[in-house]
Amino acid sequence: MSGIGASGIILLVLIALLLFGPNKLPELGRAFGRTLREFKKGANDLMDDSKDKDRTAARVDVSPEESELPKTERRLPE
């Protein structure tokens, strides 16, 4: 059995309606929606931060000639 199906959702809505009443359900739905939105935003921010770190680490500004020289022989142009 995968999922709860349409009859399960209807049963859950009826139980919620009996427990909380018709006036409280829209408030609960809005609060649940805000919670999901904030969670998704936080997860996306974390994913973006990790991608930015990967891009920065992969970017190295060293020319091929400089990479072959030992660090002591690298000089600034005069």
N, C-alpha and C. Protein backbone atom coordinates (compact mmCIF):
# COMPACT_ATOMS: atom_id res chain seq x y z
N MET A 1 0.84 -1.19 0.00
CA MET A 1 0.00 0.00 0.00
C MET A 1 0.88 1.24 0.00
N SER A 2 0.79 2.01 -1.05
CA SER A 2 1.57 3.24 -1.11
C SER A 2 0.63 4.44 -1.07
N GLY A 3 0.87 5.33 -0.13
CA GLY A 3 0.03 6.52 -0.01
C GLY A 3 -1.24 6.24 0.78
N ILE A 4 -1.96 7.32 1.07
CA ILE A 4 -3.18 7.15 1.86
C ILE A 4 -4.44 7.22 1.01
N GLY A 5 -4.35 7.75 -0.20
CA GLY A 5 -5.48 7.78 -1.10
C GLY A 5 -6.49 8.86 -0.76
N ALA A 6 -7.52 8.97 -1.60
CA ALA A 6 -8.53 10.02 -1.46
C ALA A 6 -9.40 9.80 -0.21
N SER A 7 -9.75 8.54 0.06
CA SER A 7 -10.60 8.29 1.23
C SER A 7 -9.86 8.61 2.53
N GLY A 8 -8.56 8.36 2.57
CA GLY A 8 -7.77 8.69 3.75
C GLY A 8 -7.68 10.19 3.98
N ILE A 9 -7.53 10.95 2.90
CA ILE A 9 -7.47 12.41 3.02
C ILE A 9 -8.80 12.96 3.50
N ILE A 10 -9.88 12.45 2.96
CA ILE A 10 -11.22 12.90 3.40
C ILE A 10 -11.42 12.59 4.87
N LEU A 11 -11.00 11.42 5.32
CA LEU A 11 -11.12 11.05 6.72
C LEU A 11 -10.30 11.99 7.61
N LEU A 12 -9.08 12.32 7.19
CA LEU A 12 -8.24 13.24 7.97
C LEU A 12 -8.86 14.63 8.05
N VAL A 13 -9.42 15.12 6.95
CA VAL A 13 -10.06 16.44 6.95
C VAL A 13 -11.27 16.45 7.88
N LEU A 14 -12.05 15.39 7.87
CA LEU A 14 -13.22 15.31 8.76
C LEU A 14 -12.80 15.28 10.23
N ILE A 15 -11.77 14.52 10.55
CA ILE A 15 -11.28 14.46 11.93
C ILE A 15 -10.75 15.83 12.36
N ALA A 16 -10.00 16.51 11.49
CA ALA A 16 -9.48 17.84 11.80
C ALA A 16 -10.63 18.83 11.99
N LEU A 17 -11.66 18.72 11.18
CA LEU A 17 -12.82 19.59 11.29
C LEU A 17 -13.52 19.39 12.63
N LEU A 18 -13.64 18.15 13.07
CA LEU A 18 -14.27 17.86 14.36
C LEU A 18 -13.40 18.35 15.53
N LEU A 19 -12.08 18.18 15.42
CA LEU A 19 -11.19 18.57 16.52
C LEU A 19 -11.05 20.09 16.66
N PHE A 20 -10.86 20.79 15.55
CA PHE A 20 -10.53 22.20 15.61
C PHE A 20 -11.68 23.13 15.26
N GLY A 21 -12.69 22.64 14.59
CA GLY A 21 -13.81 23.49 14.21
C GLY A 21 -13.56 24.20 12.89
N PRO A 22 -14.63 24.65 12.25
CA PRO A 22 -14.50 25.26 10.92
C PRO A 22 -13.80 26.62 10.94
N ASN A 23 -13.82 27.33 12.06
CA ASN A 23 -13.18 28.66 12.12
C ASN A 23 -11.68 28.57 12.27
N LYS A 24 -11.19 27.52 12.88
CA LYS A 24 -9.76 27.40 13.17
C LYS A 24 -8.98 26.76 12.02
N LEU A 25 -9.62 25.99 11.18
CA LEU A 25 -8.92 25.29 10.10
C LEU A 25 -8.19 26.22 9.12
N PRO A 26 -8.79 27.33 8.66
CA PRO A 26 -8.02 28.21 7.75
C PRO A 26 -6.77 28.78 8.41
N GLU A 27 -6.84 29.11 9.68
CA GLU A 27 -5.67 29.62 10.40
C GLU A 27 -4.58 28.55 10.47
N LEU A 28 -4.96 27.31 10.75
CA LEU A 28 -4.00 26.22 10.80
C LEU A 28 -3.37 25.98 9.43
N GLY A 29 -4.17 26.06 8.38
CA GLY A 29 -3.65 25.89 7.02
C GLY A 29 -2.64 26.96 6.66
N ARG A 30 -2.95 28.21 7.01
CA ARG A 30 -2.00 29.30 6.73
C ARG A 30 -0.71 29.12 7.50
N ALA A 31 -0.81 28.74 8.77
CA ALA A 31 0.39 28.54 9.59
C ALA A 31 1.23 27.39 9.02
N PHE A 32 0.58 26.34 8.59
CA PHE A 32 1.29 25.20 8.00
C PHE A 32 1.98 25.62 6.70
N GLY A 33 1.30 26.41 5.88
CA GLY A 33 1.88 26.90 4.63
C GLY A 33 3.09 27.78 4.87
N ARG A 34 3.00 28.68 5.86
CA ARG A 34 4.15 29.54 6.20
C ARG A 34 5.33 28.71 6.67
N THR A 35 5.04 27.70 7.48
CA THR A 35 6.11 26.84 7.99
C THR A 35 6.82 26.13 6.85
N LEU A 36 6.06 25.57 5.93
CA LEU A 36 6.66 24.89 4.77
C LEU A 36 7.46 25.85 3.91
N ARG A 37 6.93 27.07 3.71
CA ARG A 37 7.63 28.07 2.89
C ARG A 37 8.97 28.45 3.53
N GLU A 38 8.98 28.67 4.85
CA GLU A 38 10.23 29.03 5.54
C GLU A 38 11.23 27.88 5.49
N PHE A 39 10.74 26.66 5.65
CA PHE A 39 11.63 25.50 5.59
C PHE A 39 12.26 25.38 4.21
N LYS A 40 11.45 25.55 3.17
CA LYS A 40 11.95 25.46 1.80
C LYS A 40 12.96 26.57 1.52
N LYS A 41 12.67 27.78 2.00
CA LYS A 41 13.59 28.90 1.80
C LYS A 41 14.93 28.63 2.49
N GLY A 42 14.88 28.11 3.72
CA GLY A 42 16.11 27.79 4.44
C GLY A 42 16.91 26.69 3.77
N ALA A 43 16.22 25.68 3.28
CA ALA A 43 16.90 24.59 2.59
C ALA A 43 17.55 25.09 1.30
N ASN A 44 16.86 25.95 0.55
CA ASN A 44 17.42 26.50 -0.68
C ASN A 44 18.62 27.38 -0.38
N ASP A 45 18.57 28.16 0.70
CA ASP A 45 19.70 29.00 1.09
C ASP A 45 20.92 28.14 1.41
N LEU A 46 20.70 27.04 2.13
CA LEU A 46 21.82 26.15 2.44
C LEU A 46 22.42 25.54 1.18
N MET A 47 21.57 25.13 0.27
CA MET A 47 22.05 24.54 -0.98
C MET A 47 22.82 25.58 -1.80
N ASP A 48 22.32 26.82 -1.86
CA ASP A 48 23.00 27.88 -2.60
C ASP A 48 24.35 28.20 -1.98
N ASP A 49 24.42 28.23 -0.65
CA ASP A 49 25.68 28.50 0.03
C ASP A 49 26.72 27.44 -0.28
N SER A 50 26.31 26.17 -0.26
CA SER A 50 27.26 25.10 -0.53
C SER A 50 27.72 25.13 -1.99
N LYS A 51 26.83 25.49 -2.92
CA LYS A 51 27.21 25.60 -4.33
C LYS A 51 28.19 26.75 -4.52
N ASP A 52 27.96 27.87 -3.83
CA ASP A 52 28.88 29.01 -3.94
C ASP A 52 30.26 28.65 -3.42
N LYS A 53 30.33 27.91 -2.33
CA LYS A 53 31.62 27.49 -1.78
C LYS A 53 32.35 26.57 -2.76
N ASP A 54 31.60 25.66 -3.39
CA ASP A 54 32.22 24.76 -4.36
C ASP A 54 32.76 25.54 -5.55
N ARG A 55 32.01 26.50 -6.04
CA ARG A 55 32.46 27.30 -7.19
C ARG A 55 33.70 28.11 -6.83
N THR A 56 33.72 28.68 -5.63
CA THR A 56 34.86 29.49 -5.21
C THR A 56 36.10 28.63 -5.05
N ALA A 57 35.95 27.44 -4.49
CA ALA A 57 37.08 26.54 -4.30
C ALA A 57 37.62 26.04 -5.64
N ALA A 58 36.76 25.86 -6.61
CA ALA A 58 37.19 25.36 -7.91
C ALA A 58 37.90 26.44 -8.73
N ARG A 59 37.60 27.70 -8.44
CA ARG A 59 38.18 28.81 -9.18
C ARG A 59 39.54 29.17 -8.59
N VAL A 60 40.59 28.95 -9.33
CA VAL A 60 41.94 29.29 -8.89
C VAL A 60 42.55 30.16 -9.98
N ASP A 61 43.02 31.34 -9.61
CA ASP A 61 43.56 32.29 -10.58
C ASP A 61 45.09 32.21 -10.62
N VAL A 62 45.61 31.11 -11.09
CA VAL A 62 47.06 30.94 -11.23
C VAL A 62 47.32 30.55 -12.66
N SER A 63 48.21 31.28 -13.30
CA SER A 63 48.54 30.96 -14.69
C SER A 63 49.40 29.70 -14.72
N PRO A 64 49.45 29.00 -15.85
CA PRO A 64 50.25 27.76 -15.93
C PRO A 64 51.73 28.00 -15.63
N GLU A 65 52.27 29.16 -16.06
CA GLU A 65 53.68 29.43 -15.79
C GLU A 65 53.94 29.57 -14.30
N GLU A 66 53.03 30.23 -13.59
CA GLU A 66 53.21 30.44 -12.16
C GLU A 66 53.08 29.15 -11.38
N SER A 67 52.21 28.25 -11.84
CA SER A 67 52.01 27.01 -11.11
C SER A 67 53.24 26.11 -11.18
N GLU A 68 54.06 26.26 -12.23
CA GLU A 68 55.25 25.43 -12.37
C GLU A 68 56.41 25.94 -11.52
N LEU A 69 56.40 27.23 -11.18
CA LEU A 69 57.49 27.81 -10.40
C LEU A 69 57.32 27.50 -8.92
N PRO A 70 58.43 27.30 -8.21
CA PRO A 70 58.31 27.17 -6.75
C PRO A 70 57.84 28.49 -6.16
N LYS A 71 57.26 28.45 -4.99
CA LYS A 71 56.69 29.64 -4.38
C LYS A 71 57.75 30.72 -4.13
N THR A 72 58.97 30.34 -3.86
CA THR A 72 60.01 31.33 -3.57
C THR A 72 60.42 32.11 -4.81
N GLU A 73 60.21 31.56 -6.02
CA GLU A 73 60.62 32.22 -7.24
C GLU A 73 59.55 33.12 -7.83
N ARG A 74 58.37 33.11 -7.28
CA ARG A 74 57.30 33.97 -7.80
C ARG A 74 57.58 35.40 -7.39
N ARG A 75 57.52 36.31 -8.35
CA ARG A 75 57.79 37.72 -8.07
C ARG A 75 56.70 38.59 -8.68
N LEU A 76 56.51 39.74 -8.09
CA LEU A 76 55.59 40.70 -8.62
C LEU A 76 56.29 41.47 -9.73
N PRO A 77 55.55 41.91 -10.74
CA PRO A 77 56.18 42.69 -11.81
C PRO A 77 56.68 44.03 -11.27
N GLU A 78 57.83 44.47 -11.78
CA GLU A 78 58.40 45.73 -11.30
C GLU A 78 58.10 46.87 -12.23
